[in-house]
Protein backbone atom coordinates (compact mmCIF):
# COMPACT_ATOMS: atom_id res chain seq x y z
CA MET A 1 -104.47 53.16 -4.44
CA ALA A 2 -101.92 51.76 -2.09
CA GLN A 3 -98.87 50.11 -3.56
CA ALA A 4 -98.07 46.58 -2.56
CA VAL A 5 -95.28 46.64 -0.04
CA PRO A 6 -92.71 43.90 -0.58
CA ARG A 7 -92.87 41.28 2.11
CA ASP A 8 -90.10 41.44 4.69
CA PRO A 9 -89.80 37.89 5.98
CA GLY A 10 -87.34 38.93 8.68
CA LEU A 11 -85.31 36.14 10.17
CA GLN A 12 -87.99 33.45 9.95
CA PRO A 13 -86.63 31.79 6.77
CA GLU A 14 -83.14 31.80 8.27
CA ARG A 15 -84.38 30.15 11.47
CA THR A 16 -86.21 27.55 9.42
CA ARG A 17 -83.09 26.88 7.34
CA LEU A 18 -81.08 26.41 10.53
CA ALA A 19 -83.71 24.01 11.89
CA TRP A 20 -83.45 21.93 8.71
CA ARG A 21 -79.66 21.91 9.07
CA ARG A 22 -79.95 20.70 12.68
CA THR A 23 -82.32 17.95 11.58
CA THR A 24 -79.97 16.77 8.85
CA LEU A 25 -77.04 16.89 11.27
CA ALA A 26 -78.93 14.78 13.82
CA CYS A 27 -79.88 12.29 11.10
CA THR A 28 -76.28 12.14 9.90
CA VAL A 29 -75.02 11.45 13.43
CA ALA A 30 -77.65 8.74 14.00
CA THR A 31 -76.74 7.09 10.70
CA ALA A 32 -73.01 7.31 11.34
CA LEU A 33 -73.36 5.82 14.82
CA GLY A 34 -75.53 3.03 13.51
CA VAL A 35 -73.12 2.20 10.70
CA ARG A 36 -70.19 2.36 13.12
CA ALA A 37 -71.93 -0.03 15.52
CA VAL A 38 -72.63 -2.51 12.73
CA LEU A 39 -69.10 -2.35 11.34
CA HIS A 40 -67.38 -2.38 14.72
CA ASP A 41 -69.34 -5.23 16.30
CA GLY A 42 -69.46 -7.44 13.22
CA ALA A 43 -72.41 -7.43 10.89
CA SER A 44 -75.01 -10.14 10.55
CA ALA A 45 -77.29 -10.22 7.53
CA ALA A 46 -80.06 -8.47 9.48
CA ASP A 47 -77.64 -5.76 10.60
CA ALA A 48 -76.48 -5.19 7.03
CA VAL A 49 -80.10 -4.81 5.88
CA MET A 50 -80.85 -2.38 8.72
CA CYS A 51 -77.70 -0.43 7.85
CA ALA A 52 -78.70 -0.19 4.19
CA LEU A 53 -82.23 0.89 5.16
CA CYS A 54 -80.79 3.49 7.50
CA LEU A 55 -78.58 4.88 4.72
CA LEU A 56 -81.53 5.05 2.30
CA LEU A 57 -83.69 6.85 4.86
CA TRP A 58 -80.84 9.27 5.53
CA LEU A 59 -80.53 10.07 1.84
CA GLY A 60 -84.29 10.65 1.66
CA VAL A 61 -84.24 13.05 4.59
CA LEU A 62 -81.27 14.89 3.07
CA ALA A 63 -83.12 15.24 -0.24
CA VAL A 64 -86.25 16.65 1.42
CA ALA A 65 -84.22 19.05 3.57
CA HIS A 66 -82.13 20.26 0.63
CA ARG A 67 -85.26 20.88 -1.41
CA ARG A 68 -86.81 22.88 1.42
CA MET A 69 -83.66 24.90 2.16
CA THR A 70 -83.39 25.78 -1.53
CA ALA A 71 -87.03 26.89 -1.58
CA LEU A 72 -86.44 29.10 1.46
CA SER A 73 -83.71 31.03 -0.35
CA THR A 74 -86.24 32.68 -2.69
CA ALA A 75 -87.81 36.07 -2.02
CA ARG A 76 -91.24 34.55 -1.44
CA PRO A 77 -90.85 30.98 -0.24
CA ARG A 78 -93.89 28.80 -0.64
CA PRO A 79 -95.35 27.14 2.45
CA LEU A 80 -94.27 23.60 3.16
CA GLY A 81 -96.73 21.22 1.54
CA PRO A 82 -98.42 18.54 3.63
CA ARG A 83 -96.83 15.69 1.65
CA VAL A 84 -93.34 17.05 2.18
CA ALA A 85 -94.01 17.66 5.88
CA VAL A 86 -95.28 14.10 6.36
CA ALA A 87 -92.36 12.68 4.36
CA ALA A 88 -89.85 14.61 6.49
CA ALA A 89 -91.49 13.61 9.77
CA LEU A 90 -91.85 9.95 8.83
CA GLY A 91 -88.34 9.78 7.36
CA THR A 92 -86.78 11.28 10.47
CA THR A 93 -88.77 9.03 12.80
CA ALA A 94 -88.05 5.92 10.74
CA LEU A 95 -84.36 6.78 10.67
CA ALA A 96 -84.27 7.14 14.45
CA VAL A 97 -86.07 3.82 14.92
CA CYS A 98 -83.77 2.12 12.42
CA ALA A 99 -80.64 3.48 14.13
CA MET A 100 -81.92 2.39 17.54
CA GLY A 101 -82.67 -1.03 16.13
CA MET A 102 -79.10 -1.35 14.89
CA LEU A 103 -77.69 -0.23 18.23
CA PHE A 104 -79.78 -2.51 20.42
CA THR A 105 -79.68 -5.73 18.41
C-alpha cells in the first residue's frame, strides 16, 4: 500500500493571499478617496449616506478577505465557497460603484 503523501501547495496559497491583500488595498484607497472627496468638497445628505454605505461595504470586504486569508494559512485550505466568492465580488463591485458615485456627484 502506498502512503499518502502530504500535499505540497507550493506558492499558490501565498499568491492567493497576496491577491486578497491587493484587493483590500484597492478597496481601502477607493474608500479613502471617496471619503476625502465628500469631506473636502462639503457633504450633502446624499453624500453622507453614500459615504456611510461605502464604509460599510469596505468593512464587509475586509471581513471576507480576512476570513479567506486566515483559511489559507492552514495546511490544507478549503476551497472558496460560492457564497463567499459572490459576496466578495459583489462587495468589491458595489464599493467601486459607490466610490465613483461619491466622486462624480
